[in-house]
PDB file of N, CA and C in Angstrom:
ATOM      1  N   ILE A   1       5.243  -3.481 -15.061  1.00  0.00           N
ATOM      2  CA  ILE A   1       3.861  -3.422 -14.599  1.00  0.00           C
ATOM      3  C   ILE A   1       3.156  -4.694 -15.046  1.00  0.00           C
ATOM      4  N   LEU A   2       2.560  -5.394 -14.106  1.00  0.00           N
ATOM      5  CA  LEU A   2       1.709  -6.538 -14.402  1.00  0.00           C
ATOM      6  C   LEU A   2       0.281  -6.056 -14.297  1.00  0.00           C
ATOM      7  N   LYS A   3      -0.534  -6.358 -15.296  1.00  0.00           N
ATOM      8  CA  LYS A   3      -1.879  -5.800 -15.310  1.00  0.00           C
ATOM      9  C   LYS A   3      -2.893  -6.852 -15.711  1.00  0.00           C
ATOM     10  N   ASN A   4      -4.073  -6.789 -15.042  1.00  0.00           N
ATOM     11  CA  ASN A   4      -5.218  -7.589 -15.469  1.00  0.00           C
ATOM     12  C   ASN A   4      -6.426  -6.661 -15.525  1.00  0.00           C
ATOM     13  N   ASP A   5      -7.610  -7.188 -15.673  1.00  0.00           N
ATOM     14  CA  ASP A   5      -8.806  -6.353 -15.825  1.00  0.00           C
ATOM     15  C   ASP A   5      -9.139  -5.551 -14.571  1.00  0.00           C
ATOM     16  N   ASP A   6      -8.764  -6.060 -13.396  1.00  0.00           N
ATOM     17  CA  ASP A   6      -9.140  -5.413 -12.140  1.00  0.00           C
ATOM     18  C   ASP A   6      -8.086  -4.465 -11.583  1.00  0.00           C
ATOM     19  N   GLY A   7      -6.874  -4.519 -12.066  1.00  0.00           N
ATOM     20  CA  GLY A   7      -5.851  -3.654 -11.505  1.00  0.00           C
ATOM     21  C   GLY A   7      -4.476  -4.005 -12.012  1.00  0.00           C
ATOM     22  N   SER A   8      -3.460  -3.625 -11.229  1.00  0.00           N
ATOM     23  CA  SER A   8      -2.093  -3.851 -11.668  1.00  0.00           C
ATOM     24  C   SER A   8      -1.156  -3.929 -10.475  1.00  0.00           C
ATOM     25  N   VAL A   9       0.018  -4.469 -10.710  1.00  0.00           N
ATOM     26  CA  VAL A   9       1.113  -4.461  -9.753  1.00  0.00           C
ATOM     27  C   VAL A   9       2.223  -3.648 -10.390  1.00  0.00           C
ATOM     28  N   ARG A  10       2.706  -2.649  -9.656  1.00  0.00           N
ATOM     29  CA  ARG A  10       3.765  -1.786 -10.178  1.00  0.00           C
ATOM     30  C   ARG A  10       4.987  -1.887  -9.279  1.00  0.00           C
ATOM     31  N   ILE A  11       6.141  -1.986  -9.887  1.00  0.00           N
ATOM     32  CA  ILE A  11       7.403  -1.956  -9.153  1.00  0.00           C
ATOM     33  C   ILE A  11       8.263  -0.900  -9.822  1.00  0.00           C
ATOM     34  N   THR A  12       8.491   0.209  -9.096  1.00  0.00           N
ATOM     35  CA  THR A  12       9.275   1.311  -9.641  1.00  0.00           C
ATOM     36  C   THR A  12      10.193   1.865  -8.560  1.00  0.00           C
ATOM     37  N   SER A  13      11.218   2.568  -8.969  1.00  0.00           N
ATOM     38  CA  SER A  13      12.110   3.189  -7.991  1.00  0.00           C
ATOM     39  C   SER A  13      11.437   4.368  -7.297  1.00  0.00           C
ATOM     40  N   ALA A  14      10.476   4.989  -7.944  1.00  0.00           N
ATOM     41  CA  ALA A  14       9.790   6.141  -7.343  1.00  0.00           C
ATOM     42  C   ALA A  14       8.693   5.725  -6.376  1.00  0.00           C
ATOM     43  N   GLU A  15       7.942   4.677  -6.696  1.00  0.00           N
ATOM     44  CA  GLU A  15       6.789   4.273  -5.878  1.00  0.00           C
ATOM     45  C   GLU A  15       6.973   2.923  -5.197  1.00  0.00           C
ATOM     46  N   ASP A  16       8.144   2.291  -5.328  1.00  0.00           N
ATOM     47  CA  ASP A  16       8.433   0.988  -4.743  1.00  0.00           C
ATOM     48  C   ASP A  16       7.448  -0.048  -5.284  1.00  0.00           C
ATOM     49  N   ILE A  17       6.760  -0.788  -4.437  1.00  0.00           N
ATOM     50  CA  ILE A  17       5.825  -1.816  -4.897  1.00  0.00           C
ATOM     51  C   ILE A  17       4.403  -1.369  -4.584  1.00  0.00           C
ATOM     52  N   GLN A  18       3.544  -1.363  -5.584  1.00  0.00           N
ATOM     53  CA  GLN A  18       2.146  -0.973  -5.422  1.00  0.00           C
ATOM     54  C   GLN A  18       1.251  -2.027  -6.054  1.00  0.00           C
ATOM     55  N   VAL A  19       0.176  -2.352  -5.364  1.00  0.00           N
ATOM     56  CA  VAL A  19      -0.884  -3.153  -5.957  1.00  0.00           C
ATOM     57  C   VAL A  19      -2.063  -2.208  -6.112  1.00  0.00           C
ATOM     58  N   MET A  20      -2.491  -2.033  -7.355  1.00  0.00           N
ATOM     59  CA  MET A  20      -3.556  -1.094  -7.654  1.00  0.00           C
ATOM     60  C   MET A  20      -4.846  -1.844  -7.942  1.00  0.00           C
ATOM     61  N   GLY A  21      -5.956  -1.340  -7.447  1.00  0.00           N
ATOM     62  CA  GLY A  21      -7.281  -1.825  -7.800  1.00  0.00           C
ATOM     63  C   GLY A  21      -7.911  -0.745  -8.649  1.00  0.00           C
ATOM     64  N   GLY A  22      -7.831  -0.875  -9.944  1.00  0.00           N
ATOM     65  CA  GLY A  22      -8.252   0.217 -10.821  1.00  0.00           C
ATOM     66  C   GLY A  22      -7.278   1.364 -10.646  1.00  0.00           C
ATOM     67  N   ASN A  23      -7.772   2.547 -10.256  1.00  0.00           N
ATOM     68  CA  ASN A  23      -6.917   3.710 -10.010  1.00  0.00           C
ATOM     69  C   ASN A  23      -6.606   3.916  -8.543  1.00  0.00           C
ATOM     70  N   THR A  24      -7.002   2.973  -7.669  1.00  0.00           N
ATOM     71  CA  THR A  24      -6.817   3.104  -6.233  1.00  0.00           C
ATOM     72  C   THR A  24      -5.656   2.238  -5.762  1.00  0.00           C
ATOM     73  N   GLU A  25      -4.725   2.835  -5.023  1.00  0.00           N
ATOM     74  CA  GLU A  25      -3.630   2.068  -4.447  1.00  0.00           C
ATOM     75  C   GLU A  25      -4.184   1.224  -3.306  1.00  0.00           C
ATOM     76  N   ARG A  26      -4.129  -0.105  -3.446  1.00  0.00           N
ATOM     77  CA  ARG A  26      -4.653  -1.011  -2.430  1.00  0.00           C
ATOM     78  C   ARG A  26      -3.571  -1.470  -1.470  1.00  0.00           C
ATOM     79  N   ILE A  27      -2.360  -1.729  -1.965  1.00  0.00           N
ATOM     80  CA  ILE A  27      -1.241  -2.156  -1.129  1.00  0.00           C
ATOM     81  C   ILE A  27      -0.003  -1.392  -1.557  1.00  0.00           C
ATOM     82  N   LYS A  28       0.744  -0.905  -0.583  1.00  0.00           N
ATOM     83  CA  LYS A  28       2.005  -0.211  -0.851  1.00  0.00           C
ATOM     84  C   LYS A  28       3.066  -0.850   0.028  1.00  0.00           C
ATOM     85  N   ILE A  29       4.167  -1.269  -0.568  1.00  0.00           N
ATOM     86  CA  ILE A  29       5.303  -1.822   0.165  1.00  0.00           C
ATOM     87  C   ILE A  29       6.510  -0.980  -0.199  1.00  0.00           C
ATOM     88  N   GLY A  30       7.112  -0.350   0.792  1.00  0.00           N
ATOM     89  CA  GLY A  30       8.257   0.515   0.546  1.00  0.00           C
ATOM     90  C   GLY A  30       8.116   1.784   1.360  1.00  0.00           C
ATOM     91  N   ARG A  31       8.445   2.925   0.757  1.00  0.00           N
ATOM     92  CA  ARG A  31       8.365   4.202   1.466  1.00  0.00           C
ATOM     93  C   ARG A  31       6.897   4.609   1.572  1.00  0.00           C
ATOM     94  N   ILE A  32       6.384   4.651   2.813  1.00  0.00           N
ATOM     95  CA  ILE A  32       4.989   5.011   3.012  1.00  0.00           C
ATOM     96  C   ILE A  32       4.827   6.454   3.488  1.00  0.00           C
ATOM     97  N   LYS A  33       5.881   7.014   4.040  1.00  0.00           N
ATOM     98  CA  LYS A  33       5.935   8.424   4.439  1.00  0.00           C
ATOM     99  C   LYS A  33       7.381   8.864   4.248  1.00  0.00           C
ATOM    100  N   GLU A  34       7.664  10.136   4.407  1.00  0.00           N
ATOM    101  CA  GLU A  34       9.033  10.608   4.248  1.00  0.00           C
ATOM    102  C   GLU A  34       9.942   9.890   5.240  1.00  0.00           C
ATOM    103  N   ASN A  35      10.945   9.188   4.736  1.00  0.00           N
ATOM    104  CA  ASN A  35      11.919   8.444   5.532  1.00  0.00           C
ATOM    105  C   ASN A  35      11.325   7.344   6.405  1.00  0.00           C
ATOM    106  N   VAL A  36      10.131   6.858   6.078  1.00  0.00           N
ATOM    107  CA  VAL A  36       9.496   5.746   6.796  1.00  0.00           C
ATOM    108  C   VAL A  36       9.137   4.679   5.773  1.00  0.00           C
ATOM    109  N   TYR A  37       9.583   3.465   6.053  1.00  0.00           N
ATOM    110  CA  TYR A  37       9.313   2.342   5.159  1.00  0.00           C
ATOM    111  C   TYR A  37       8.404   1.353   5.856  1.00  0.00           C
ATOM    112  N   GLY A  38       7.540   0.709   5.096  1.00  0.00           N
ATOM    113  CA  GLY A  38       6.633  -0.255   5.678  1.00  0.00           C
ATOM    114  C   GLY A  38       5.644  -0.771   4.661  1.00  0.00           C
ATOM    115  N   ILE A  39       4.486  -1.196   5.182  1.00  0.00           N
ATOM    116  CA  ILE A  39       3.412  -1.737   4.356  1.00  0.00           C
ATOM    117  C   ILE A  39       2.132  -0.994   4.699  1.00  0.00           C
ATOM    118  N   ARG A  40       1.402  -0.604   3.681  1.00  0.00           N
ATOM    119  CA  ARG A  40       0.116   0.079   3.855  1.00  0.00           C
ATOM    120  C   ARG A  40      -0.926  -0.673   3.038  1.00  0.00           C
ATOM    121  N   ILE A  41      -2.073  -0.953   3.653  1.00  0.00           N
ATOM    122  CA  ILE A  41      -3.173  -1.626   2.966  1.00  0.00           C
ATOM    123  C   ILE A  41      -4.404  -0.731   3.046  1.00  0.00           C
ATOM    124  N   SER A  42      -5.053  -0.530   1.908  1.00  0.00           N
ATOM    125  CA  SER A  42      -6.237   0.324   1.824  1.00  0.00           C
ATOM    126  C   SER A  42      -7.417  -0.466   1.298  1.00  0.00           C
ATOM    127  N   ASN A  43      -8.622   0.032   1.584  1.00  0.00           N
ATOM    128  CA  ASN A  43      -9.829  -0.617   1.049  1.00  0.00           C
ATOM    129  C   ASN A  43     -10.096  -0.103  -0.366  1.00  0.00           C
ATOM    130  N   ALA A  44     -11.184  -0.546  -0.961  1.00  0.00           N
ATOM    131  CA  ALA A  44     -11.504  -0.191  -2.353  1.00  0.00           C
ATOM    132  C   ALA A  44     -11.720   1.305  -2.545  1.00  0.00           C
ATOM    133  N   GLU A  45     -12.084   2.019  -1.468  1.00  0.00           N
ATOM    134  CA  GLU A  45     -12.287   3.466  -1.560  1.00  0.00           C
ATOM    135  C   GLU A  45     -10.998   4.246  -1.345  1.00  0.00           C
ATOM    136  N   GLY A  46      -9.908   3.564  -1.000  1.00  0.00           N
ATOM    137  CA  GLY A  46      -8.641   4.237  -0.777  1.00  0.00           C
ATOM    138  C   GLY A  46      -8.375   4.601   0.670  1.00  0.00           C
ATOM    139  N   THR A  47      -9.271   4.253   1.592  1.00  0.00           N
ATOM    140  CA  THR A  47      -9.075   4.528   3.011  1.00  0.00           C
ATOM    141  C   THR A  47      -8.071   3.526   3.579  1.00  0.00           C
ATOM    142  N   ILE A  48      -7.067   4.016   4.276  1.00  0.00           N
ATOM    143  CA  ILE A  48      -6.052   3.148   4.868  1.00  0.00           C
ATOM    144  C   ILE A  48      -6.686   2.341   5.994  1.00  0.00           C
ATOM    145  N   VAL A  49      -6.547   1.015   5.938  1.00  0.00           N
ATOM    146  CA  VAL A  49      -7.120   0.143   6.965  1.00  0.00           C
ATOM    147  C   VAL A  49      -6.042  -0.514   7.821  1.00  0.00           C
ATOM    148  N   MET A  50      -4.797  -0.590   7.334  1.00  0.00           N
ATOM    149  CA  MET A  50      -3.694  -1.142   8.107  1.00  0.00           C
ATOM    150  C   MET A  50      -2.387  -0.539   7.624  1.00  0.00           C
ATOM    151  N   GLU A  51      -1.508  -0.272   8.576  1.00  0.00           N
ATOM    152  CA  GLU A  51      -0.205   0.264   8.219  1.00  0.00           C
ATOM    153  C   GLU A  51       0.802  -0.216   9.252  1.00  0.00           C
ATOM    154  N   THR A  52       1.938  -0.673   8.794  1.00  0.00           N
ATOM    155  CA  THR A  52       3.029  -1.046   9.684  1.00  0.00           C
ATOM    156  C   THR A  52       4.301  -0.400   9.162  1.00  0.00           C
ATOM    157  N   ASP A  53       5.200  -0.016  10.065  1.00  0.00           N
ATOM    158  CA  ASP A  53       6.406   0.678   9.622  1.00  0.00           C
ATOM    159  C   ASP A  53       7.668  -0.092   9.998  1.00  0.00           C
ATOM    160  N   ASP A  54       8.811   0.480   9.631  1.00  0.00           N
ATOM    161  CA  ASP A  54      10.094  -0.182   9.843  1.00  0.00           C
ATOM    162  C   ASP A  54      10.535  -0.174  11.306  1.00  0.00           C
ATOM    163  N   GLN A  55       9.774   0.444  12.190  1.00  0.00           N
ATOM    164  CA  GLN A  55      10.058   0.421  13.627  1.00  0.00           C
ATOM    165  C   GLN A  55       9.202  -0.615  14.357  1.00  0.00           C
ATOM    166  N   GLY A  56       8.353  -1.330  13.607  1.00  0.00           N
ATOM    167  CA  GLY A  56       7.520  -2.366  14.201  1.00  0.00           C
ATOM    168  C   GLY A  56       6.162  -1.884  14.670  1.00  0.00           C
ATOM    169  N   GLU A  57       5.838  -0.619  14.414  1.00  0.00           N
ATOM    170  CA  GLU A  57       4.529  -0.096  14.787  1.00  0.00           C
ATOM    171  C   GLU A  57       3.460  -0.641  13.850  1.00  0.00           C
ATOM    172  N   LEU A  58       2.313  -0.987  14.395  1.00  0.00           N
ATOM    173  CA  LEU A  58       1.191  -1.484  13.608  1.00  0.00           C
ATOM    174  C   LEU A  58      -0.021  -0.642  13.936  1.00  0.00           C
ATOM    175  N   TRP A  59      -0.691  -0.151  12.898  1.00  0.00           N
ATOM    176  CA  TRP A  59      -1.903   0.634  13.075  1.00  0.00           C
ATOM    177  C   TRP A  59      -3.021  -0.050  12.300  1.00  0.00           C
ATOM    178  N   LEU A  60      -4.147  -0.294  12.981  1.00  0.00           N
ATOM    179  CA  LEU A  60      -5.337  -0.861  12.333  1.00  0.00           C
ATOM    180  C   LEU A  60      -6.477   0.118  12.461  1.00  0.00           C
ATOM    181  N   ARG A  61      -7.242   0.311  11.403  1.00  0.00           N
ATOM    182  CA  ARG A  61      -8.380   1.214  11.441  1.00  0.00           C
ATOM    183  C   ARG A  61      -9.452   0.698  12.399  1.00  0.00           C
ATOM    184  N   GLU A  62      -9.702  -0.600  12.388  1.00  0.00           N
ATOM    185  CA  GLU A  62     -10.665  -1.224  13.292  1.00  0.00           C
ATOM    186  C   GLU A  62     -10.042  -2.469  13.884  1.00  0.00           C
ATOM    187  N   GLY A  63     -10.549  -2.917  15.019  1.00  0.00           N
ATOM    188  CA  GLY A  63     -10.007  -4.101  15.682  1.00  0.00           C
ATOM    189  C   GLY A  63     -10.201  -5.360  14.866  1.00  0.00           C
ATOM    190  N   LEU A  64      -9.395  -6.341  15.174  1.00  0.00           N
ATOM    191  CA  LEU A  64      -9.497  -7.619  14.485  1.00  0.00           C
ATOM    192  C   LEU A  64     -10.681  -8.404  14.979  1.00  0.00           C
TER     193      LEU A  64
END
């Protein structure tokens, strides 16, 4: 675990790679759902704003 005053980066076999902002998961790389791997990005409140999976699907909460 790498940690600074604002959050941490965790790399574990259970949670894969996580970037935490305080107690909120901001970025997740690895298993994002059961048997689905990808990248998930959340805002400071924990609301998912972008998600992409291992099939190439991309979901954005709002348009670019």
